[in-house]
C-alpha atoms as a PDB file:
ATOM      1  CA  MET A   1      19.167  19.153 -12.817  1.00  0.00           C
ATOM      2  CA  ASP A   2      21.407  19.564  -9.760  1.00  0.00           C
ATOM      3  CA  ARG A   3      19.607  19.389  -6.428  1.00  0.00           C
ATOM      4  CA  ASP A   4      20.411  18.568  -2.816  1.00  0.00           C
ATOM      5  CA  VAL A   5      18.445  15.368  -2.150  1.00  0.00           C
ATOM      6  CA  LYS A   6      19.214  15.221   1.562  1.00  0.00           C
ATOM      7  CA  GLY A   7      16.102  14.269   3.533  1.00  0.00           C
ATOM      8  CA  MET A   8      14.353  12.573   0.604  1.00  0.00           C
ATOM      9  CA  ARG A   9      12.566   9.415   1.750  1.00  0.00           C
ATOM     10  CA  ILE A  10      12.736   6.239  -0.315  1.00  0.00           C
ATOM     11  CA  ALA A  11      10.503   3.224   0.295  1.00  0.00           C
ATOM     12  CA  TRP A  12      12.335   0.037  -0.727  1.00  0.00           C
ATOM     13  CA  ALA A  13       9.866  -2.705  -1.671  1.00  0.00           C
ATOM     14  CA  GLY A  14      12.466  -5.358  -2.538  1.00  0.00           C
ATOM     15  CA  ASN A  15      10.719  -8.542  -3.650  1.00  0.00           C
ATOM     16  CA  TRP A  16       7.349  -7.473  -2.203  1.00  0.00           C
ATOM     17  CA  ASN A  17       7.642  -9.736   0.852  1.00  0.00           C
ATOM     18  CA  GLY A  18       8.584 -12.718  -1.300  1.00  0.00           C
ATOM     19  CA  TYR A  19       5.747 -12.339  -3.786  1.00  0.00           C
ATOM     20  CA  LEU A  20       8.137 -11.539  -6.658  1.00  0.00           C
ATOM     21  CA  SER A  21      10.572 -14.292  -7.569  1.00  0.00           C
ATOM     22  CA  MET A  22      14.104 -12.897  -7.780  1.00  0.00           C
ATOM     23  CA  GLU A  23      17.224 -14.514  -9.153  1.00  0.00           C
ATOM     24  CA  GLU A  24      19.873 -15.016  -6.487  1.00  0.00           C
ATOM     25  CA  GLY A  25      22.066 -11.983  -6.006  1.00  0.00           C
ATOM     26  CA  ILE A  26      19.664  -9.297  -7.194  1.00  0.00           C
ATOM     27  CA  LEU A  27      18.420  -8.069  -3.824  1.00  0.00           C
ATOM     28  CA  PRO A  28      21.840  -7.841  -2.111  1.00  0.00           C
ATOM     29  CA  LEU A  29      23.230  -5.982  -5.128  1.00  0.00           C
ATOM     30  CA  CYS A  30      20.374  -3.478  -5.130  1.00  0.00           C
ATOM     31  CA  GLU A  31      20.549  -3.011  -1.368  1.00  0.00           C
ATOM     32  CA  ARG A  32      24.250  -2.191  -1.594  1.00  0.00           C
ATOM     33  CA  ALA A  33      23.438   0.382  -4.272  1.00  0.00           C
ATOM     34  CA  LEU A  34      20.831   1.927  -1.964  1.00  0.00           C
ATOM     35  CA  ASP A  35      23.705   2.816   0.359  1.00  0.00           C
ATOM     36  CA  THR A  36      24.589   5.483  -2.193  1.00  0.00           C
ATOM     37  CA  PHE A  37      21.259   7.184  -1.554  1.00  0.00           C
ATOM     38  CA  THR A  38      21.883   6.951   2.190  1.00  0.00           C
ATOM     39  CA  ALA A  39      25.288   8.563   1.699  1.00  0.00           C
ATOM     40  CA  LEU A  40      23.542  11.405  -0.147  1.00  0.00           C
ATOM     41  CA  GLY A  41      21.425  12.007   2.949  1.00  0.00           C
ATOM     42  CA  CYS A  42      18.289  10.191   1.813  1.00  0.00           C
ATOM     43  CA  GLU A  43      16.291   8.061   4.228  1.00  0.00           C
ATOM     44  CA  VAL A  44      15.793   4.538   2.897  1.00  0.00           C
ATOM     45  CA  ASP A  45      13.158   2.382   4.614  1.00  0.00           C
ATOM     46  CA  ALA A  46      12.128  -1.202   3.897  1.00  0.00           C
ATOM     47  CA  LYS A  47       8.488  -0.552   3.040  1.00  0.00           C
ATOM     48  CA  VAL A  48       6.280  -2.846   0.998  1.00  0.00           C
ATOM     49  CA  PRO A  49       3.078  -1.244  -0.318  1.00  0.00           C
ATOM     50  CA  ASP A  50      -0.016  -2.445   1.513  1.00  0.00           C
ATOM     51  CA  PHE A  51      -1.685  -3.380  -1.756  1.00  0.00           C
ATOM     52  CA  ASP A  52      -2.424  -6.860  -3.096  1.00  0.00           C
ATOM     53  CA  PRO A  53       0.079  -7.472  -5.929  1.00  0.00           C
ATOM     54  CA  THR A  54      -2.103 -10.211  -7.405  1.00  0.00           C
ATOM     55  CA  GLN A  55      -4.669  -7.520  -8.168  1.00  0.00           C
ATOM     56  CA  LEU A  56      -2.028  -5.490  -9.994  1.00  0.00           C
ATOM     57  CA  TRP A  57      -1.077  -8.546 -12.027  1.00  0.00           C
ATOM     58  CA  GLN A  58      -4.661  -9.323 -13.001  1.00  0.00           C
ATOM     59  CA  CYS A  59      -5.335  -5.673 -13.811  1.00  0.00           C
ATOM     60  CA  TRP A  60      -2.276  -5.432 -16.053  1.00  0.00           C
ATOM     61  CA  LEU A  61      -2.973  -8.784 -17.730  1.00  0.00           C
ATOM     62  CA  THR A  62      -6.524  -7.726 -18.543  1.00  0.00           C
ATOM     63  CA  LEU A  63      -5.500  -4.365 -19.953  1.00  0.00           C
ATOM     64  CA  ARG A  64      -2.660  -5.951 -21.918  1.00  0.00           C
ATOM     65  CA  HIS A  65      -5.006  -8.559 -23.429  1.00  0.00           C
ATOM     66  CA  TRP A  66      -7.433  -5.792 -24.298  1.00  0.00           C
ATOM     67  CA  GLY A  67      -4.818  -3.545 -25.891  1.00  0.00           C
ATOM     68  CA  ILE A  68      -3.099  -6.268 -27.908  1.00  0.00           C
ATOM     69  CA  ALA A  69      -6.408  -7.680 -29.116  1.00  0.00           C
ATOM     70  CA  GLY A  70      -7.186  -4.198 -30.367  1.00  0.00           C
ATOM     71  CA  SER A  71      -3.874  -3.791 -32.183  1.00  0.00           C
ATOM     72  CA  LEU A  72      -3.421  -7.331 -33.544  1.00  0.00           C
ATOM     73  CA  GLY A  73      -7.051  -8.408 -33.787  1.00  0.00           C
ATOM     74  CA  ALA A  74      -7.282  -7.778 -37.537  1.00  0.00           C
ATOM     75  CA  LEU A  75      -4.261 -10.018 -38.196  1.00  0.00           C
ATOM     76  CA  TYR A  76      -5.654 -12.720 -35.938  1.00  0.00           C
ATOM     77  CA  SER A  77      -9.024 -12.594 -37.713  1.00  0.00           C
ATOM     78  CA  ASP A  78      -7.379 -13.239 -41.076  1.00  0.00           C
ATOM     79  CA  PRO A  79      -6.642 -16.998 -41.340  1.00  0.00           C
ATOM     80  CA  ALA A  80      -3.905 -16.300 -43.865  1.00  0.00           C
ATOM     81  CA  LYS A  81      -2.069 -14.087 -41.397  1.00  0.00           C
ATOM     82  CA  ARG A  82      -2.897 -15.704 -38.061  1.00  0.00           C
ATOM     83  CA  ASP A  83      -0.138 -18.295 -38.318  1.00  0.00           C
ATOM     84  CA  GLY A  84       2.339 -15.471 -38.784  1.00  0.00           C
ATOM     85  CA  LEU A  85       1.688 -14.335 -35.228  1.00  0.00           C
ATOM     86  CA  LYS A  86       3.883 -15.981 -32.633  1.00  0.00           C
ATOM     87  CA  PRO A  87       2.082 -18.118 -30.011  1.00  0.00           C
ATOM     88  CA  GLU A  88       2.384 -15.468 -27.312  1.00  0.00           C
ATOM     89  CA  ALA A  89       0.705 -12.881 -29.547  1.00  0.00           C
ATOM     90  CA  ARG A  90      -2.144 -15.252 -30.392  1.00  0.00           C
ATOM     91  CA  TRP A  91      -2.575 -16.011 -26.681  1.00  0.00           C
ATOM     92  CA  GLU A  92      -2.843 -12.295 -25.904  1.00  0.00           C
ATOM     93  CA  VAL A  93      -5.431 -11.708 -28.643  1.00  0.00           C
ATOM     94  CA  GLU A  94      -7.505 -14.709 -27.571  1.00  0.00           C
ATOM     95  CA  GLY A  95      -7.410 -13.441 -23.995  1.00  0.00           C
ATOM     96  CA  GLY A  96      -8.644 -10.054 -25.191  1.00  0.00           C
ATOM     97  CA  LEU A  97     -11.453 -11.525 -27.261  1.00  0.00           C
ATOM     98  CA  ALA A  98     -12.680 -13.425 -24.193  1.00  0.00           C
ATOM     99  CA  LEU A  99     -12.986 -10.263 -22.081  1.00  0.00           C
ATOM    100  CA  SER A 100     -16.249  -8.600 -21.203  1.00  0.00           C
ATOM    101  CA  ALA A 101     -16.782  -4.887 -20.736  1.00  0.00           C
ATOM    102  CA  MET A 102     -17.066  -5.540 -17.000  1.00  0.00           C
ATOM    103  CA  ASP A 103     -13.651  -7.240 -16.988  1.00  0.00           C
ATOM    104  CA  VAL A 104     -12.081  -4.091 -18.404  1.00  0.00           C
ATOM    105  CA  HIS A 105     -14.065  -1.948 -15.969  1.00  0.00           C
ATOM    106  CA  LYS A 106     -12.818  -4.010 -13.005  1.00  0.00           C
ATOM    107  CA  ALA A 107      -9.237  -3.662 -14.221  1.00  0.00           C
ATOM    108  CA  ASN A 108      -9.589   0.108 -14.389  1.00  0.00           C
ATOM    109  CA  VAL A 109     -11.097   0.182 -10.885  1.00  0.00           C
ATOM    110  CA  ILE A 110      -7.992  -1.648  -9.601  1.00  0.00           C
ATOM    111  CA  ARG A 111      -5.726   0.718 -11.496  1.00  0.00           C
ATOM    112  CA  SER A 112      -7.482   3.720  -9.972  1.00  0.00           C
ATOM    113  CA  ALA A 113      -7.226   2.176  -6.493  1.00  0.00           C
ATOM    114  CA  TRP A 114      -3.475   1.676  -6.983  1.00  0.00           C
ATOM    115  CA  TYR A 115      -3.101   5.274  -8.136  1.00  0.00           C
ATOM    116  CA  GLU A 116      -4.974   6.456  -5.036  1.00  0.00           C
ATOM    117  CA  TYR A 117      -2.914   4.228  -2.758  1.00  0.00           C
ATOM    118  CA  LEU A 118       0.311   5.685  -4.139  1.00  0.00           C
ATOM    119  CA  ARG A 119      -1.046   9.202  -3.724  1.00  0.00           C
ATOM    120  CA  THR A 120      -1.415   8.578   0.004  1.00  0.00           C
ATOM    121  CA  MET A 121       1.888   6.698   0.220  1.00  0.00           C
ATOM    122  CA  PHE A 122       3.685   9.651  -1.345  1.00  0.00           C
ATOM    123  CA  GLU A 123       2.470  11.827   1.511  1.00  0.00           C
ATOM    124  CA  HIS A 124       5.096   9.997   3.597  1.00  0.00           C
ATOM    125  CA  TYR A 125       7.664   8.971   0.970  1.00  0.00           C
ATOM    126  CA  ASP A 126       9.160  10.732  -2.025  1.00  0.00           C
ATOM    127  CA  TYR A 127       9.980   7.608  -4.032  1.00  0.00           C
ATOM    128  CA  LEU A 128       9.112   3.924  -4.233  1.00  0.00           C
ATOM    129  CA  ALA A 129      12.069   1.750  -5.251  1.00  0.00           C
ATOM    130  CA  LEU A 130      12.167  -1.752  -6.732  1.00  0.00           C
ATOM    131  CA  PRO A 131      14.718  -3.775  -8.713  1.00  0.00           C
ATOM    132  CA  THR A 132      14.442  -3.142 -12.443  1.00  0.00           C
ATOM    133  CA  ALA A 133      14.218  -6.850 -13.217  1.00  0.00           C
ATOM    134  CA  GLN A 134      13.726 -10.234 -11.586  1.00  0.00           C
ATOM    135  CA  VAL A 135      16.540 -11.911 -13.501  1.00  0.00           C
ATOM    136  CA  PHE A 136      19.970 -10.884 -14.700  1.00  0.00           C
ATOM    137  CA  PRO A 137      20.401 -10.639 -18.502  1.00  0.00           C
ATOM    138  CA  PHE A 138      19.883 -14.037 -20.098  1.00  0.00           C
ATOM    139  CA  ALA A 139      21.028 -15.600 -23.364  1.00  0.00           C
ATOM    140  CA  ALA A 140      19.455 -14.101 -26.479  1.00  0.00           C
ATOM    141  CA  GLU A 141      18.601 -17.621 -27.675  1.00  0.00           C
ATOM    142  CA  LEU A 142      16.196 -18.059 -24.748  1.00  0.00           C
ATOM    143  CA  ASP A 143      12.687 -16.827 -25.563  1.00  0.00           C
ATOM    144  CA  TRP A 144      11.947 -16.039 -21.909  1.00  0.00           C
ATOM    145  CA  PRO A 145      12.796 -17.392 -18.453  1.00  0.00           C
ATOM    146  CA  THR A 146      10.501 -20.280 -17.583  1.00  0.00           C
ATOM    147  CA  ASP A 147      11.429 -20.313 -13.895  1.00  0.00           C
ATOM    148  CA  ILE A 148      13.099 -18.063 -11.352  1.00  0.00           C
ATOM    149  CA  ALA A 149      14.683 -19.470  -8.210  1.00  0.00           C
ATOM    150  CA  GLY A 150      12.735 -22.694  -8.661  1.00  0.00           C
ATOM    151  CA  ARG A 151       9.386 -20.995  -9.190  1.00  0.00           C
ATOM    152  CA  SER A 152       7.720 -21.731 -12.524  1.00  0.00           C
ATOM    153  CA  MET A 153       6.586 -18.777 -14.634  1.00  0.00           C
ATOM    154  CA  ASP A 154       3.002 -19.336 -15.801  1.00  0.00           C
ATOM    155  CA  THR A 155       3.098 -16.834 -18.671  1.00  0.00           C
ATOM    156  CA  TYR A 156       5.728 -15.582 -21.082  1.00  0.00           C
ATOM    157  CA  HIS A 157       5.968 -12.274 -19.209  1.00  0.00           C
ATOM    158  CA  ARG A 158       5.503 -13.234 -15.556  1.00  0.00           C
ATOM    159  CA  TRP A 159       9.297 -12.960 -15.144  1.00  0.00           C
ATOM    160  CA  MET A 160       9.090  -9.166 -15.587  1.00  0.00           C
ATOM    161  CA  GLU A 161       6.192  -8.612 -13.189  1.00  0.00           C
ATOM    162  CA  VAL A 162       8.348  -6.235 -11.130  1.00  0.00           C
ATOM    163  CA  VAL A 163       7.774  -3.445 -13.675  1.00  0.00           C
ATOM    164  CA  ILE A 164       3.977  -3.581 -13.364  1.00  0.00           C
ATOM    165  CA  PRO A 165       3.629  -1.331 -10.273  1.00  0.00           C
ATOM    166  CA  GLY A 166       5.343   1.473 -12.144  1.00  0.00           C
ATOM    167  CA  LEU A 167       3.543   0.831 -15.431  1.00  0.00           C
ATOM    168  CA  LEU A 168       0.117   1.020 -13.791  1.00  0.00           C
ATOM    169  CA  SER A 169       0.937   3.979 -11.566  1.00  0.00           C
ATOM    170  CA  GLY A 170       0.691   6.825 -14.081  1.00  0.00           C
ATOM    171  CA  CYS A 171       3.755   8.191 -12.295  1.00  0.00           C
ATOM    172  CA  PRO A 172       7.240   8.975 -13.634  1.00  0.00           C
ATOM    173  CA  VAL A 173       9.675   6.080 -13.325  1.00  0.00           C
ATOM    174  CA  ILE A 174      13.412   5.985 -13.952  1.00  0.00           C
ATOM    175  CA  SER A 175      15.943   3.165 -13.777  1.00  0.00           C
ATOM    176  CA  VAL A 176      19.461   3.678 -12.460  1.00  0.00           C
ATOM    177  CA  PRO A 177      22.309   1.142 -12.528  1.00  0.00           C
ATOM    178  CA  ALA A 178      22.892  -0.799  -9.330  1.00  0.00           C
ATOM    179  CA  GLY A 179      26.073  -2.547 -10.427  1.00  0.00           C
ATOM    180  CA  PHE A 180      27.150  -6.017 -11.529  1.00  0.00           C
ATOM    181  CA  ASN A 181      27.010  -9.491 -10.066  1.00  0.00           C
ATOM    182  CA  ASP A 182      30.006 -11.804  -9.608  1.00  0.00           C
ATOM    183  CA  ILE A 183      30.087 -12.776 -13.296  1.00  0.00           C
ATOM    184  CA  GLY A 184      29.643  -9.239 -14.569  1.00  0.00           C
ATOM    185  CA  LEU A 185      25.924  -9.156 -15.340  1.00  0.00           C
ATOM    186  CA  PRO A 186      24.209  -5.799 -14.699  1.00  0.00           C
ATOM    187  CA  MET A 187      21.180  -4.931 -12.599  1.00  0.00           C
ATOM    188  CA  GLY A 188      19.385  -1.696 -11.781  1.00  0.00           C
ATOM    189  CA  ILE A 189      16.934  -0.005  -9.442  1.00  0.00           C
ATOM    190  CA  GLN A 190      13.725   1.643 -10.608  1.00  0.00           C
ATOM    191  CA  LEU A 191      12.506   4.754  -8.792  1.00  0.00           C
ATOM    192  CA  ILE A 192       8.820   5.655  -8.946  1.00  0.00           C
ATOM    193  CA  GLY A 193       8.062   9.266  -8.091  1.00  0.00           C
ATOM    194  CA  ARG A 194       4.939  11.273  -7.416  1.00  0.00           C
ATOM    195  CA  HIS A 195       2.516  11.976 -10.222  1.00  0.00           C
ATOM    196  CA  GLN A 196       3.854  14.822 -12.393  1.00  0.00           C
ATOM    197  CA  ALA A 197       7.114  14.952 -10.388  1.00  0.00           C
ATOM    198  CA  ASP A 198       9.163  14.108 -13.478  1.00  0.00           C
ATOM    199  CA  LEU A 199      11.825  16.711 -12.732  1.00  0.00           C
ATOM    200  CA  GLU A 200      12.305  15.453  -9.170  1.00  0.00           C
ATOM    201  CA  VAL A 201      12.767  11.915 -10.478  1.00  0.00           C
ATOM    202  CA  LEU A 202      15.410  13.112 -12.921  1.00  0.00           C
ATOM    203  CA  GLN A 203      17.119  15.132 -10.188  1.00  0.00           C
ATOM    204  CA  ILE A 204      17.514  12.246  -7.751  1.00  0.00           C
ATOM    205  CA  ALA A 205      18.761  10.041 -10.580  1.00  0.00           C
ATOM    206  CA  ARG A 206      21.288  12.748 -11.454  1.00  0.00           C
ATOM    207  CA  ALA A 207      22.437  12.958  -7.833  1.00  0.00           C
ATOM    208  CA  TYR A 208      22.841   9.191  -7.718  1.00  0.00           C
ATOM    209  CA  GLU A 209      24.716   9.210 -11.018  1.00  0.00           C
ATOM    210  CA  GLN A 210      27.193  11.766  -9.717  1.00  0.00           C
ATOM    211  CA  ALA A 211      27.770   9.794  -6.509  1.00  0.00           C
ATOM    212  CA  SER A 212      28.013   6.321  -8.047  1.00  0.00           C
ATOM    213  CA  GLY A 213      31.532   6.588  -9.400  1.00  0.00           C
ATOM    214  CA  ASP A 214      32.912   3.535 -11.147  1.00  0.00           C
ATOM    215  CA  ILE A 215      29.578   1.692 -11.414  1.00  0.00           C
ATOM    216  CA  LEU A 216      28.591   3.846 -14.367  1.00  0.00           C
ATOM    217  CA  LYS A 217      31.969   3.458 -16.094  1.00  0.00           C
ATOM    218  CA  ARG A 218      31.862  -0.330 -16.313  1.00  0.00           C
ATOM    219  CA  LEU A 219      30.528  -2.148 -19.348  1.00  0.00           C
ATOM    220  CA  PRO A 220      28.720  -5.506 -19.221  1.00  0.00           C
ATOM    221  CA  PRO A 221      30.658  -8.437 -20.731  1.00  0.00           C
ATOM    222  CA  SER A 222      28.626  -8.483 -23.961  1.00  0.00           C
ATOM    223  CA  LEU A 223      29.920  -5.003 -24.787  1.00  0.00           C
ATOM    224  CA  ILE A 224      33.570  -5.893 -24.299  1.00  0.00           C
ATOM    225  CA  GLY A 225      33.625  -9.104 -26.336  1.00  0.00           C
ATOM    226  CA  THR A 226      32.657 -11.695 -23.714  1.00  0.00           C
ATOM    227  CA  PRO A 227      29.401 -13.674 -24.103  1.00  0.00           C
ATOM    228  CA  LEU A 228      26.923 -13.045 -21.282  1.00  0.00           C
ATOM    229  CA  ARG A 229      25.983 -16.682 -20.835  1.00  0.00           C
ATOM    230  CA  ARG A 230      26.335 -19.974 -22.657  1.00  0.00           C
END
């Protein structure tokens, strides 16, 4: 697992030029954590992929509708069981049932284009980095964040859109802790590596872990008896 990561190049996408809503404090926290990679001898560049993120969203939404309709469709079709599905699950199934074969084909074309784009991007960079989330941990009583930084979320999962580039990439992805905000809530950084470069992804995470010191020793408030939020 141990490896000298000096010279590794990391592309930092941040909030994708403002496309991704981020709760205040996330980006500065992650950017401070990136200094650890710089100290290890990595080159960290601000580099946003030249790929339309709205296409990634639509691709993922289509494939998610399709997959959930396949897995929950039998329950939805049974009137006695349909009401047992929560509204978000019914919405996903209904979205899947409305799809055509061409809709799924178009989504897979976008996914393939994203894979190909990353293949060329990884000729110049070793990793693509993004925050692991768009919000800090929120109260368990809240179903999902309905807005981030004043921007309304139009679906129950739009607030976690930042994970979609990695999910659709077919590449290995790992999350490492970035630290805590002023009230002790944790955040992380996700690193996307080249296709089949799983070991390299683990190695750079290991190097970061060894260099991060006290960040990894701290516990979030919920694990030491203090509520996260009220």
